[in-house]
Amino acid sequence: MQLKLIGPLRIHPNNSDSIFHSPDALKIGVYVYAVKVKNVGYLTTYVGETGVSFLKRIKDHVINTLGGYERIYDPDALQEGKKILLWNGMWKASRQDCFGEFIDRHSELAPIISQYVRQFEIFLLPLDANTRGRRRIESAIAAHLYNQPLPVGEFIDSDIRYLKKLKNGETPFEVKITGANAIYGFPANVFAWLNAFSWMNKTAYYPCQQYQCSTALL
């Protein structure tokens, strides 16, 4: 299978290179969130897949981030190649009762979130495949990145739900990616076979009552 990595695309629609102006944004497939790091280039922070248009999925991400559902990292530190957690989101079971805390901290977090959202750039891998096929490719790429040495591996959170193994009857397949050198450490080819991936718990996350400790360097 041959795929082409498209990007970078900005999120804000006022930018000429915004995802809002890209015809590829109306397609489905696998997408990559990346941030430009000084003296390194683009580093991947998240790999996802979508069966609705890329544009709709990215809009949902942005809305969730602005509303405190997603994690927030220090945007200035990201540009230096470091991950400093400022807000741990509300998507995990241990964090779903933290809405009051988010309201209390909103005036502090709002300008940071605005900077954080504007900082990200999106890369697209348009792919006409079913959900399982998209998830296998998504997981293969994420696992490749996660198992790379610093600084690549540290930029992928360890608790995202990616696939771990094949189903009975599934066979591996190779995916070749043109344009992969646009992102530092991104694979030019991966095998969607899933059995040998190592997902280690690199990161400690905190429930609401322990959040005073959450600005830890990861």
N, C-alpha and C. Protein backbone atom coordinates (compact mmCIF):
# COMPACT_ATOMS: atom_id res chain seq x y z
N MET A 1 0.84 -1.19 0.00
CA MET A 1 0.00 0.00 0.00
C MET A 1 0.88 1.24 0.00
N GLN A 2 0.57 2.22 -0.84
CA GLN A 2 1.34 3.46 -0.95
C GLN A 2 0.48 4.63 -0.50
N LEU A 3 0.98 5.41 0.48
CA LEU A 3 0.27 6.59 0.96
C LEU A 3 1.17 7.81 0.82
N LYS A 4 0.56 8.99 0.75
CA LYS A 4 1.30 10.24 0.65
C LYS A 4 0.98 11.12 1.85
N LEU A 5 2.02 11.58 2.53
CA LEU A 5 1.86 12.48 3.67
C LEU A 5 1.70 13.90 3.16
N ILE A 6 0.60 14.53 3.51
CA ILE A 6 0.26 15.88 3.04
C ILE A 6 0.33 16.85 4.21
N GLY A 7 1.03 17.94 4.04
CA GLY A 7 1.14 18.94 5.08
C GLY A 7 2.51 19.58 5.08
N PRO A 8 2.75 20.48 6.03
CA PRO A 8 1.89 20.80 7.16
C PRO A 8 0.75 21.76 6.81
N LEU A 9 -0.36 21.60 7.54
CA LEU A 9 -1.52 22.47 7.42
C LEU A 9 -1.80 23.11 8.76
N ARG A 10 -2.06 24.39 8.76
CA ARG A 10 -2.37 25.09 10.00
C ARG A 10 -3.85 24.90 10.35
N ILE A 11 -4.18 25.18 11.61
CA ILE A 11 -5.56 25.01 12.07
C ILE A 11 -6.40 26.26 11.84
N HIS A 12 -5.85 27.44 12.13
CA HIS A 12 -6.65 28.66 12.04
C HIS A 12 -7.04 28.94 10.59
N PRO A 13 -8.33 29.17 10.32
CA PRO A 13 -8.78 29.36 8.94
C PRO A 13 -8.24 30.61 8.27
N ASN A 14 -7.69 31.58 9.02
CA ASN A 14 -7.15 32.80 8.42
C ASN A 14 -5.81 32.57 7.75
N ASN A 15 -5.17 31.44 8.02
CA ASN A 15 -3.89 31.14 7.39
C ASN A 15 -4.12 30.59 5.98
N SER A 16 -3.28 31.00 5.04
CA SER A 16 -3.45 30.54 3.66
C SER A 16 -3.21 29.04 3.53
N ASP A 17 -2.38 28.50 4.44
CA ASP A 17 -2.10 27.05 4.41
C ASP A 17 -2.95 26.30 5.43
N SER A 18 -4.12 26.83 5.74
CA SER A 18 -5.01 26.21 6.72
C SER A 18 -5.64 24.94 6.16
N ILE A 19 -5.94 24.01 7.05
CA ILE A 19 -6.66 22.80 6.67
C ILE A 19 -8.03 23.15 6.10
N PHE A 20 -8.56 24.32 6.46
CA PHE A 20 -9.87 24.74 5.96
C PHE A 20 -9.85 25.02 4.46
N HIS A 21 -8.67 25.22 3.89
CA HIS A 21 -8.56 25.54 2.47
C HIS A 21 -8.01 24.38 1.65
N SER A 22 -7.83 23.23 2.28
CA SER A 22 -7.25 22.09 1.58
C SER A 22 -8.34 21.14 1.10
N PRO A 23 -8.36 20.80 -0.19
CA PRO A 23 -9.35 19.82 -0.67
C PRO A 23 -9.17 18.44 -0.03
N ASP A 24 -7.94 18.14 0.41
CA ASP A 24 -7.70 16.84 1.07
C ASP A 24 -8.38 16.76 2.43
N ALA A 25 -8.75 17.90 2.99
CA ALA A 25 -9.39 17.91 4.30
C ALA A 25 -10.77 17.26 4.28
N LEU A 26 -11.34 17.10 3.10
CA LEU A 26 -12.66 16.48 2.99
C LEU A 26 -12.58 14.96 2.88
N LYS A 27 -11.37 14.42 2.86
CA LYS A 27 -11.17 12.98 2.77
C LYS A 27 -11.10 12.35 4.16
N ILE A 28 -10.97 11.03 4.20
CA ILE A 28 -10.82 10.29 5.45
C ILE A 28 -9.45 9.61 5.46
N GLY A 29 -9.07 9.10 6.64
CA GLY A 29 -7.80 8.38 6.71
C GLY A 29 -7.12 8.56 8.06
N VAL A 30 -5.80 8.68 8.02
CA VAL A 30 -4.97 8.83 9.22
C VAL A 30 -4.41 10.24 9.23
N TYR A 31 -4.36 10.85 10.40
CA TYR A 31 -3.84 12.22 10.52
C TYR A 31 -2.83 12.31 11.65
N VAL A 32 -2.01 13.34 11.59
CA VAL A 32 -0.91 13.50 12.54
C VAL A 32 -0.91 14.93 13.07
N TYR A 33 -0.86 15.07 14.39
CA TYR A 33 -0.61 16.36 15.02
C TYR A 33 0.88 16.50 15.24
N ALA A 34 1.45 17.64 14.87
CA ALA A 34 2.89 17.85 15.03
C ALA A 34 3.15 19.28 15.48
N VAL A 35 4.29 19.46 16.11
CA VAL A 35 4.72 20.79 16.54
C VAL A 35 6.16 20.98 16.06
N LYS A 36 6.48 22.20 15.66
CA LYS A 36 7.82 22.49 15.16
C LYS A 36 8.73 22.81 16.35
N VAL A 37 9.77 22.00 16.49
CA VAL A 37 10.71 22.11 17.62
C VAL A 37 12.01 22.71 17.13
N LYS A 38 12.53 23.64 17.91
CA LYS A 38 13.78 24.32 17.55
C LYS A 38 14.91 23.31 17.37
N ASN A 39 15.66 23.49 16.29
CA ASN A 39 16.85 22.69 15.98
C ASN A 39 16.54 21.21 15.71
N VAL A 40 15.26 20.87 15.56
CA VAL A 40 14.87 19.49 15.29
C VAL A 40 14.00 19.41 14.03
N GLY A 41 12.94 20.21 14.00
CA GLY A 41 11.93 20.13 12.95
C GLY A 41 10.61 19.69 13.56
N TYR A 42 9.74 19.12 12.76
CA TYR A 42 8.44 18.70 13.25
C TYR A 42 8.55 17.40 14.03
N LEU A 43 7.91 17.39 15.22
CA LEU A 43 7.79 16.18 16.02
C LEU A 43 6.32 15.84 16.19
N THR A 44 5.98 14.57 16.08
CA THR A 44 4.60 14.11 16.23
C THR A 44 4.19 14.07 17.69
N THR A 45 3.03 14.64 17.99
CA THR A 45 2.47 14.54 19.33
C THR A 45 1.29 13.58 19.39
N TYR A 46 0.66 13.31 18.25
CA TYR A 46 -0.52 12.45 18.26
C TYR A 46 -0.76 11.91 16.84
N VAL A 47 -1.15 10.65 16.77
CA VAL A 47 -1.58 10.02 15.52
C VAL A 47 -3.02 9.56 15.71
N GLY A 48 -3.88 9.92 14.78
CA GLY A 48 -5.29 9.52 14.87
C GLY A 48 -5.81 9.03 13.54
N GLU A 49 -7.04 8.51 13.56
CA GLU A 49 -7.70 8.09 12.33
C GLU A 49 -9.15 8.54 12.37
N THR A 50 -9.72 8.71 11.20
CA THR A 50 -11.10 9.18 11.15
C THR A 50 -11.85 8.60 9.96
N GLY A 51 -13.11 8.25 10.19
CA GLY A 51 -14.00 7.80 9.14
C GLY A 51 -14.94 8.91 8.70
N VAL A 52 -14.87 10.08 9.35
CA VAL A 52 -15.52 11.29 8.86
C VAL A 52 -14.41 12.16 8.27
N SER A 53 -14.75 13.28 7.71
CA SER A 53 -13.72 14.08 7.05
C SER A 53 -12.66 14.54 8.05
N PHE A 54 -11.43 14.70 7.54
CA PHE A 54 -10.36 15.24 8.38
C PHE A 54 -10.80 16.56 9.00
N LEU A 55 -11.45 17.40 8.21
CA LEU A 55 -11.84 18.71 8.69
C LEU A 55 -12.76 18.62 9.90
N LYS A 56 -13.77 17.75 9.81
CA LYS A 56 -14.69 17.59 10.95
C LYS A 56 -13.95 17.05 12.17
N ARG A 57 -13.07 16.08 11.97
CA ARG A 57 -12.35 15.49 13.10
C ARG A 57 -11.44 16.52 13.76
N ILE A 58 -10.75 17.33 12.98
CA ILE A 58 -9.87 18.34 13.56
C ILE A 58 -10.69 19.41 14.29
N LYS A 59 -11.84 19.79 13.73
CA LYS A 59 -12.73 20.72 14.44
C LYS A 59 -13.11 20.16 15.80
N ASP A 60 -13.46 18.87 15.84
CA ASP A 60 -13.83 18.24 17.11
C ASP A 60 -12.67 18.29 18.10
N HIS A 61 -11.45 18.00 17.61
CA HIS A 61 -10.28 18.08 18.48
C HIS A 61 -10.13 19.48 19.08
N VAL A 62 -10.24 20.50 18.23
CA VAL A 62 -10.05 21.87 18.69
C VAL A 62 -11.11 22.26 19.71
N ILE A 63 -12.36 21.91 19.43
CA ILE A 63 -13.44 22.21 20.38
C ILE A 63 -13.19 21.52 21.71
N ASN A 64 -12.78 20.26 21.67
CA ASN A 64 -12.49 19.53 22.91
C ASN A 64 -11.32 20.14 23.67
N THR A 65 -10.32 20.63 22.94
CA THR A 65 -9.16 21.24 23.59
C THR A 65 -9.56 22.56 24.23
N LEU A 66 -10.30 23.38 23.52
CA LEU A 66 -10.73 24.66 24.07
C LEU A 66 -11.62 24.47 25.29
N GLY A 67 -12.36 23.37 25.34
CA GLY A 67 -13.26 23.11 26.46
C GLY A 67 -12.64 22.33 27.60
N GLY A 68 -11.33 22.07 27.54
CA GLY A 68 -10.65 21.41 28.65
C GLY A 68 -10.71 19.90 28.65
N TYR A 69 -11.30 19.32 27.59
CA TYR A 69 -11.42 17.86 27.56
C TYR A 69 -10.07 17.20 27.26
N GLU A 70 -9.26 17.84 26.45
CA GLU A 70 -7.96 17.29 26.07
C GLU A 70 -6.86 17.81 27.00
N ARG A 71 -5.73 17.12 27.01
CA ARG A 71 -4.57 17.57 27.77
C ARG A 71 -3.99 18.85 27.16
N ILE A 72 -3.38 19.66 28.03
CA ILE A 72 -2.71 20.87 27.60
C ILE A 72 -1.26 20.82 28.09
N TYR A 73 -0.34 20.96 27.15
CA TYR A 73 1.07 21.04 27.50
C TYR A 73 1.56 22.47 27.28
N ASP A 74 2.60 22.84 28.02
CA ASP A 74 3.18 24.17 27.91
C ASP A 74 3.66 24.39 26.47
N PRO A 75 3.04 25.33 25.72
CA PRO A 75 3.40 25.49 24.31
C PRO A 75 4.83 25.99 24.11
N ASP A 76 5.34 26.82 25.02
CA ASP A 76 6.71 27.30 24.89
C ASP A 76 7.71 26.16 25.10
N ALA A 77 7.42 25.30 26.08
CA ALA A 77 8.31 24.16 26.33
C ALA A 77 8.30 23.19 25.17
N LEU A 78 7.14 22.99 24.51
CA LEU A 78 7.07 22.10 23.36
C LEU A 78 8.03 22.55 22.26
N GLN A 79 8.11 23.84 22.05
CA GLN A 79 9.01 24.35 21.01
C GLN A 79 10.47 24.10 21.34
N GLU A 80 10.75 23.86 22.62
CA GLU A 80 12.11 23.54 23.06
C GLU A 80 12.34 22.03 23.15
N GLY A 81 11.32 21.24 22.77
CA GLY A 81 11.46 19.79 22.80
C GLY A 81 11.15 19.17 24.14
N LYS A 82 10.41 19.88 25.00
CA LYS A 82 10.06 19.37 26.32
C LYS A 82 8.54 19.31 26.47
N LYS A 83 8.06 18.35 27.25
CA LYS A 83 6.62 18.24 27.53
C LYS A 83 6.39 18.54 29.00
N ILE A 84 5.73 19.65 29.27
CA ILE A 84 5.36 20.03 30.63
C ILE A 84 3.84 20.08 30.68
N LEU A 85 3.25 19.20 31.45
CA LEU A 85 1.80 19.08 31.53
C LEU A 85 1.23 20.19 32.39
N LEU A 86 0.29 20.97 31.81
CA LEU A 86 -0.36 22.05 32.55
C LEU A 86 -1.79 21.70 32.92
N TRP A 87 -2.45 20.92 32.10
CA TRP A 87 -3.84 20.50 32.37
C TRP A 87 -3.99 19.10 31.82
N ASN A 88 -4.51 18.18 32.63
CA ASN A 88 -4.53 16.77 32.29
C ASN A 88 -5.83 16.31 31.62
N GLY A 89 -6.64 17.27 31.17
CA GLY A 89 -7.84 16.91 30.43
C GLY A 89 -8.90 16.28 31.32
N MET A 90 -9.98 15.84 30.66
CA MET A 90 -11.09 15.22 31.39
C MET A 90 -11.60 13.98 30.68
N TRP A 91 -10.79 13.39 29.80
CA TRP A 91 -11.25 12.26 29.01
C TRP A 91 -11.04 10.93 29.73
N LYS A 92 -10.15 10.87 30.71
CA LYS A 92 -9.94 9.63 31.45
C LYS A 92 -10.96 9.52 32.59
N ALA A 93 -11.26 8.28 33.00
CA ALA A 93 -12.27 8.05 34.03
C ALA A 93 -11.94 8.79 35.32
N SER A 94 -10.66 8.85 35.67
CA SER A 94 -10.26 9.50 36.92
C SER A 94 -10.34 11.02 36.86
N ARG A 95 -10.61 11.57 35.66
CA ARG A 95 -10.63 13.03 35.49
C ARG A 95 -11.99 13.57 35.09
N GLN A 96 -13.01 12.74 35.01
CA GLN A 96 -14.28 13.18 34.46
C GLN A 96 -15.09 14.05 35.42
N ASP A 97 -14.66 14.16 36.65
CA ASP A 97 -15.35 15.02 37.61
C ASP A 97 -14.57 16.31 37.89
N CYS A 98 -13.70 16.68 36.96
CA CYS A 98 -12.81 17.82 37.18
C CYS A 98 -13.29 19.10 36.51
N PHE A 99 -14.56 19.16 36.12
CA PHE A 99 -15.05 20.32 35.40
C PHE A 99 -14.98 21.58 36.26
N GLY A 100 -15.29 21.43 37.55
CA GLY A 100 -15.21 22.59 38.45
C GLY A 100 -13.80 23.15 38.53
N GLU A 101 -12.85 22.26 38.56
CA GLU A 101 -11.45 22.68 38.59
C GLU A 101 -11.08 23.44 37.32
N PHE A 102 -11.58 22.97 36.18
CA PHE A 102 -11.29 23.66 34.93
C PHE A 102 -11.89 25.06 34.93
N ILE A 103 -13.11 25.20 35.45
CA ILE A 103 -13.73 26.52 35.54
C ILE A 103 -12.90 27.43 36.44
N ASP A 104 -12.47 26.89 37.58
CA ASP A 104 -11.68 27.69 38.51
C ASP A 104 -10.36 28.16 37.90
N ARG A 105 -9.80 27.36 37.01
CA ARG A 105 -8.50 27.68 36.42
C ARG A 105 -8.61 28.29 35.03
N HIS A 106 -9.85 28.56 34.59
CA HIS A 106 -10.04 28.95 33.21
C HIS A 106 -9.31 30.23 32.84
N SER A 107 -9.34 31.24 33.71
CA SER A 107 -8.67 32.50 33.38
C SER A 107 -7.17 32.31 33.23
N GLU A 108 -6.60 31.38 33.98
CA GLU A 108 -5.18 31.05 33.87
C GLU A 108 -4.89 30.27 32.59
N LEU A 109 -5.76 29.29 32.28
CA LEU A 109 -5.49 28.37 31.18
C LEU A 109 -5.90 28.90 29.81
N ALA A 110 -6.90 29.79 29.76
CA ALA A 110 -7.45 30.21 28.47
C ALA A 110 -6.41 30.77 27.51
N PRO A 111 -5.55 31.73 27.92
CA PRO A 111 -4.55 32.22 26.95
C PRO A 111 -3.52 31.17 26.55
N ILE A 112 -3.23 30.24 27.46
CA ILE A 112 -2.30 29.16 27.15
C ILE A 112 -2.91 28.22 26.13
N ILE A 113 -4.20 27.90 26.31
CA ILE A 113 -4.89 27.01 25.38
C ILE A 113 -4.95 27.63 23.99
N SER A 114 -5.21 28.94 23.92
CA SER A 114 -5.25 29.62 22.64
C SER A 114 -3.91 29.51 21.92
N GLN A 115 -2.82 29.73 22.63
CA GLN A 115 -1.49 29.59 22.06
C GLN A 115 -1.21 28.15 21.66
N TYR A 116 -1.63 27.22 22.50
CA TYR A 116 -1.39 25.79 22.27
C TYR A 116 -2.07 25.32 20.99
N VAL A 117 -3.33 25.71 20.80
CA VAL A 117 -4.09 25.29 19.63
C VAL A 117 -3.48 25.86 18.35
N ARG A 118 -3.06 27.12 18.39
CA ARG A 118 -2.50 27.76 17.21
C ARG A 118 -1.14 27.20 16.84
N GLN A 119 -0.47 26.59 17.79
CA GLN A 119 0.88 26.08 17.56
C GLN A 119 0.91 24.81 16.70
N PHE A 120 -0.15 24.05 16.73
CA PHE A 120 -0.13 22.74 16.08
C PHE A 120 -0.30 22.85 14.57
N GLU A 121 0.34 21.92 13.89
CA GLU A 121 0.18 21.77 12.45
C GLU A 121 -0.22 20.33 12.17
N ILE A 122 -0.99 20.15 11.10
CA ILE A 122 -1.62 18.87 10.81
C ILE A 122 -1.03 18.29 9.53
N PHE A 123 -0.78 16.99 9.56
CA PHE A 123 -0.39 16.25 8.38
C PHE A 123 -1.46 15.18 8.12
N LEU A 124 -1.75 14.95 6.86
CA LEU A 124 -2.82 14.03 6.48
C LEU A 124 -2.28 12.87 5.66
N LEU A 125 -2.84 11.69 5.91
CA LEU A 125 -2.60 10.51 5.09
C LEU A 125 -3.95 10.02 4.57
N PRO A 126 -4.44 10.59 3.47
CA PRO A 126 -5.74 10.15 2.94
C PRO A 126 -5.70 8.66 2.61
N LEU A 127 -6.78 7.97 2.99
CA LEU A 127 -6.78 6.51 2.91
C LEU A 127 -8.21 6.02 2.78
N ASP A 128 -8.49 5.34 1.71
CA ASP A 128 -9.83 4.77 1.49
C ASP A 128 -9.83 3.35 2.05
N ALA A 129 -10.14 3.23 3.34
CA ALA A 129 -10.13 1.92 4.01
C ALA A 129 -11.19 1.91 5.09
N ASN A 130 -11.55 0.70 5.55
CA ASN A 130 -12.52 0.58 6.63
C ASN A 130 -11.86 0.94 7.97
N THR A 131 -12.66 0.94 9.02
CA THR A 131 -12.16 1.37 10.33
C THR A 131 -10.98 0.53 10.79
N ARG A 132 -11.09 -0.79 10.64
CA ARG A 132 -10.02 -1.67 11.09
C ARG A 132 -8.72 -1.39 10.33
N GLY A 133 -8.82 -1.20 9.03
CA GLY A 133 -7.63 -0.90 8.24
C GLY A 133 -6.99 0.41 8.66
N ARG A 134 -7.80 1.42 8.88
CA ARG A 134 -7.26 2.71 9.33
C ARG A 134 -6.61 2.58 10.68
N ARG A 135 -7.24 1.85 11.59
CA ARG A 135 -6.69 1.71 12.93
C ARG A 135 -5.38 0.93 12.93
N ARG A 136 -5.27 -0.06 12.05
CA ARG A 136 -4.01 -0.82 11.99
C ARG A 136 -2.86 0.07 11.53
N ILE A 137 -3.12 0.91 10.54
CA ILE A 137 -2.07 1.82 10.06
C ILE A 137 -1.76 2.89 11.10
N GLU A 138 -2.80 3.47 11.69
CA GLU A 138 -2.63 4.44 12.76
C GLU A 138 -1.76 3.87 13.88
N SER A 139 -2.08 2.67 14.33
CA SER A 139 -1.37 2.05 15.45
C SER A 139 0.07 1.69 15.08
N ALA A 140 0.27 1.25 13.84
CA ALA A 140 1.63 0.91 13.41
C ALA A 140 2.52 2.14 13.39
N ILE A 141 1.99 3.26 12.90
CA ILE A 141 2.77 4.50 12.87
C ILE A 141 3.05 4.99 14.29
N ALA A 142 2.01 5.00 15.14
CA ALA A 142 2.19 5.47 16.52
C ALA A 142 3.21 4.63 17.26
N ALA A 143 3.16 3.30 17.09
CA ALA A 143 4.09 2.42 17.77
C ALA A 143 5.52 2.65 17.28
N HIS A 144 5.68 2.85 15.98
CA HIS A 144 7.01 3.14 15.44
C HIS A 144 7.58 4.40 16.10
N LEU A 145 6.78 5.45 16.16
CA LEU A 145 7.24 6.70 16.75
C LEU A 145 7.52 6.55 18.24
N TYR A 146 6.62 5.86 18.94
CA TYR A 146 6.74 5.71 20.39
C TYR A 146 8.02 4.98 20.77
N ASN A 147 8.45 4.07 19.94
CA ASN A 147 9.63 3.26 20.26
C ASN A 147 10.93 3.84 19.72
N GLN A 148 10.88 5.07 19.19
CA GLN A 148 12.09 5.75 18.75
C GLN A 148 12.79 6.40 19.93
N PRO A 149 14.10 6.61 19.83
CA PRO A 149 14.84 7.31 20.89
C PRO A 149 14.42 8.78 20.97
N LEU A 150 14.91 9.45 22.00
CA LEU A 150 14.63 10.87 22.17
C LEU A 150 15.09 11.65 20.93
N PRO A 151 14.37 12.71 20.59
CA PRO A 151 13.19 13.24 21.27
C PRO A 151 11.88 12.68 20.73
N VAL A 152 11.93 11.79 19.74
CA VAL A 152 10.70 11.36 19.04
C VAL A 152 9.76 10.61 19.96
N GLY A 153 10.26 9.57 20.65
CA GLY A 153 9.41 8.70 21.45
C GLY A 153 8.72 9.39 22.61
N GLU A 154 9.35 10.39 23.18
CA GLU A 154 8.78 11.08 24.34
C GLU A 154 7.59 11.96 23.99
N PHE A 155 7.40 12.26 22.73
CA PHE A 155 6.34 13.19 22.35
C PHE A 155 5.00 12.50 22.15
N ILE A 156 4.96 11.16 22.18
CA ILE A 156 3.71 10.42 22.06
C ILE A 156 3.26 9.97 23.45
N ASP A 157 2.05 10.36 23.86
CA ASP A 157 1.53 9.93 25.17
C ASP A 157 1.35 8.41 25.18
N SER A 158 1.63 7.81 26.34
CA SER A 158 1.68 6.35 26.43
C SER A 158 0.32 5.70 26.67
N ASP A 159 -0.72 6.48 26.96
CA ASP A 159 -2.00 5.89 27.33
C ASP A 159 -3.09 6.11 26.28
N ILE A 160 -2.71 6.44 25.06
CA ILE A 160 -3.68 6.50 23.97
C ILE A 160 -4.02 5.07 23.55
N ARG A 161 -5.29 4.83 23.25
CA ARG A 161 -5.74 3.47 22.96
C ARG A 161 -5.47 3.08 21.51
N TYR A 162 -4.30 2.55 21.28
CA TYR A 162 -3.96 2.01 19.97
C TYR A 162 -4.08 0.49 19.99
N LEU A 163 -4.18 -0.12 18.81
CA LEU A 163 -4.27 -1.58 18.72
C LEU A 163 -2.95 -2.21 19.15
N LYS A 164 -3.05 -3.40 19.73
CA LYS A 164 -1.87 -4.11 20.22
C LYS A 164 -1.54 -5.36 19.41
N LYS A 165 -2.55 -5.98 18.79
CA LYS A 165 -2.29 -7.25 18.09
C LYS A 165 -3.31 -7.44 16.98
N LEU A 166 -2.99 -8.38 16.10
CA LEU A 166 -3.89 -8.72 15.02
C LEU A 166 -5.03 -9.61 15.51
N LYS A 167 -6.14 -9.57 14.80
CA LYS A 167 -7.21 -10.53 15.02
C LYS A 167 -6.87 -11.83 14.31
N ASN A 168 -7.52 -12.91 14.74
CA ASN A 168 -7.34 -14.20 14.05
C ASN A 168 -7.72 -14.05 12.58
N GLY A 169 -6.86 -14.54 11.73
CA GLY A 169 -7.12 -14.49 10.30
C GLY A 169 -6.56 -13.27 9.60
N GLU A 170 -6.15 -12.25 10.37
CA GLU A 170 -5.54 -11.07 9.76
C GLU A 170 -4.08 -11.33 9.43
N THR A 171 -3.62 -10.75 8.35
CA THR A 171 -2.22 -10.90 7.94
C THR A 171 -1.56 -9.53 7.89
N PRO A 172 -0.24 -9.48 8.12
CA PRO A 172 0.46 -8.20 8.05
C PRO A 172 0.44 -7.63 6.64
N PHE A 173 0.52 -6.32 6.53
CA PHE A 173 0.71 -5.70 5.22
C PHE A 173 1.63 -4.49 5.38
N GLU A 174 2.36 -4.20 4.31
CA GLU A 174 3.33 -3.11 4.35
C GLU A 174 2.69 -1.82 3.83
N VAL A 175 3.02 -0.73 4.50
CA VAL A 175 2.57 0.59 4.08
C VAL A 175 3.79 1.45 3.79
N LYS A 176 3.90 1.96 2.58
CA LYS A 176 4.98 2.87 2.21
C LYS A 176 4.44 4.28 2.16
N ILE A 177 5.18 5.22 2.74
CA ILE A 177 4.70 6.58 2.91
C ILE A 177 5.68 7.54 2.22
N THR A 178 5.21 8.22 1.20
CA THR A 178 6.02 9.24 0.56
C THR A 178 5.84 10.57 1.31
N GLY A 179 6.92 11.35 1.37
CA GLY A 179 6.86 12.62 2.09
C GLY A 179 7.08 12.48 3.58
N ALA A 180 7.45 11.29 4.05
CA ALA A 180 7.59 11.05 5.49
C ALA A 180 8.70 11.88 6.11
N ASN A 181 9.68 12.30 5.31
CA ASN A 181 10.79 13.06 5.87
C ASN A 181 10.40 14.46 6.30
N ALA A 182 9.14 14.86 6.06
CA ALA A 182 8.67 16.17 6.55
C ALA A 182 8.57 16.20 8.06
N ILE A 183 8.44 15.03 8.70
CA ILE A 183 8.33 14.92 10.16
C ILE A 183 9.52 14.13 10.68
N TYR A 184 10.21 14.67 11.65
CA TYR A 184 11.40 14.02 12.20
C TYR A 184 11.04 12.66 12.80
N GLY A 185 11.72 11.61 12.36
CA GLY A 185 11.50 10.27 12.90
C GLY A 185 10.30 9.54 12.34
N PHE A 186 9.58 10.15 11.40
CA PHE A 186 8.37 9.52 10.85
C PHE A 186 8.78 8.39 9.91
N PRO A 187 8.07 7.26 9.95
CA PRO A 187 8.48 6.11 9.13
C PRO A 187 8.15 6.28 7.66
N ALA A 188 9.09 5.89 6.81
CA ALA A 188 8.82 5.86 5.37
C ALA A 188 8.07 4.59 4.98
N ASN A 189 8.15 3.58 5.83
CA ASN A 189 7.33 2.37 5.63
C ASN A 189 7.15 1.68 6.98
N VAL A 190 5.98 1.08 7.17
CA VAL A 190 5.66 0.34 8.38
C VAL A 190 4.94 -0.94 7.98
N PHE A 191 5.02 -1.94 8.86
CA PHE A 191 4.25 -3.16 8.69
C PHE A 191 3.12 -3.17 9.71
N ALA A 192 1.90 -3.25 9.24
CA ALA A 192 0.74 -3.25 10.13
C ALA A 192 0.52 -4.67 10.65
N TRP A 193 1.40 -5.06 11.59
CA TRP A 193 1.29 -6.43 12.12
C TRP A 193 1.12 -6.47 13.63
N LEU A 194 1.53 -5.43 14.36
CA LEU A 194 1.08 -5.12 15.72
C LEU A 194 1.60 -6.01 16.84
N ASN A 195 2.26 -7.12 16.58
CA ASN A 195 2.56 -8.04 17.67
C ASN A 195 3.77 -7.68 18.52
N ALA A 196 4.68 -6.91 17.99
CA ALA A 196 5.93 -6.68 18.71
C ALA A 196 6.05 -5.27 19.27
N PHE A 197 4.93 -4.59 19.45
CA PHE A 197 5.00 -3.22 19.90
C PHE A 197 5.20 -3.16 21.41
N SER A 198 5.99 -2.22 21.83
CA SER A 198 6.27 -2.03 23.25
C SER A 198 5.67 -0.71 23.71
N TRP A 199 4.61 -0.80 24.49
CA TRP A 199 3.99 0.40 25.04
C TRP A 199 4.30 0.46 26.53
N MET A 200 5.26 1.28 26.90
CA MET A 200 5.63 1.41 28.30
C MET A 200 4.93 2.61 28.91
N ASN A 201 4.73 2.58 30.20
CA ASN A 201 4.07 3.67 30.89
C ASN A 201 5.13 4.69 31.31
N LYS A 202 5.34 5.68 30.43
CA LYS A 202 6.37 6.68 30.71
C LYS A 202 5.84 7.83 31.55
N THR A 203 4.53 7.97 31.63
CA THR A 203 3.95 9.19 32.14
C THR A 203 3.04 8.92 33.33
N ALA A 204 3.14 9.75 34.35
CA ALA A 204 2.24 9.66 35.50
C ALA A 204 1.18 10.75 35.38
N TYR A 205 -0.10 10.38 35.49
CA TYR A 205 -1.17 11.35 35.40
C TYR A 205 -1.94 11.37 36.72
N TYR A 206 -2.58 12.51 36.97
CA TYR A 206 -3.12 12.75 38.29
C TYR A 206 -4.62 12.99 38.25
N PRO A 207 -5.38 12.40 39.19
CA PRO A 207 -6.80 12.73 39.31
C PRO A 207 -6.96 14.12 39.91
N CYS A 208 -8.20 14.57 40.00
CA CYS A 208 -8.45 15.96 40.42
C CYS A 208 -7.79 16.30 41.75
N GLN A 209 -7.99 15.46 42.76
CA GLN A 209 -7.54 15.81 44.09
C GLN A 209 -6.02 15.88 44.23
N GLN A 210 -5.30 15.36 43.25
CA GLN A 210 -3.84 15.40 43.32
C GLN A 210 -3.26 16.37 42.29
N TYR A 211 -4.12 17.22 41.73
CA TYR A 211 -3.67 17.99 40.58
C TYR A 211 -2.62 19.04 40.90
N GLN A 212 -2.42 19.35 42.18
CA GLN A 212 -1.39 20.32 42.50
C GLN A 212 0.00 19.83 42.08
N CYS A 213 0.14 18.55 41.79
CA CYS A 213 1.44 18.00 41.39
C CYS A 213 1.56 17.88 39.87
N SER A 214 0.61 18.40 39.10
CA SER A 214 0.50 18.00 37.71
C SER A 214 1.44 18.72 36.78
N THR A 215 2.12 19.77 37.19
CA THR A 215 3.02 20.46 36.29
C THR A 215 4.39 19.81 36.35
N ALA A 216 4.43 18.50 36.13
CA ALA A 216 5.67 17.74 36.18
C ALA A 216 6.29 17.63 34.80
N LEU A 217 7.59 17.69 34.76
CA LEU A 217 8.29 17.49 33.49
C LEU A 217 8.22 16.03 33.12
N LEU A 218 7.76 15.75 31.91
CA LEU A 218 7.60 14.37 31.45
C LEU A 218 8.85 13.93 30.72
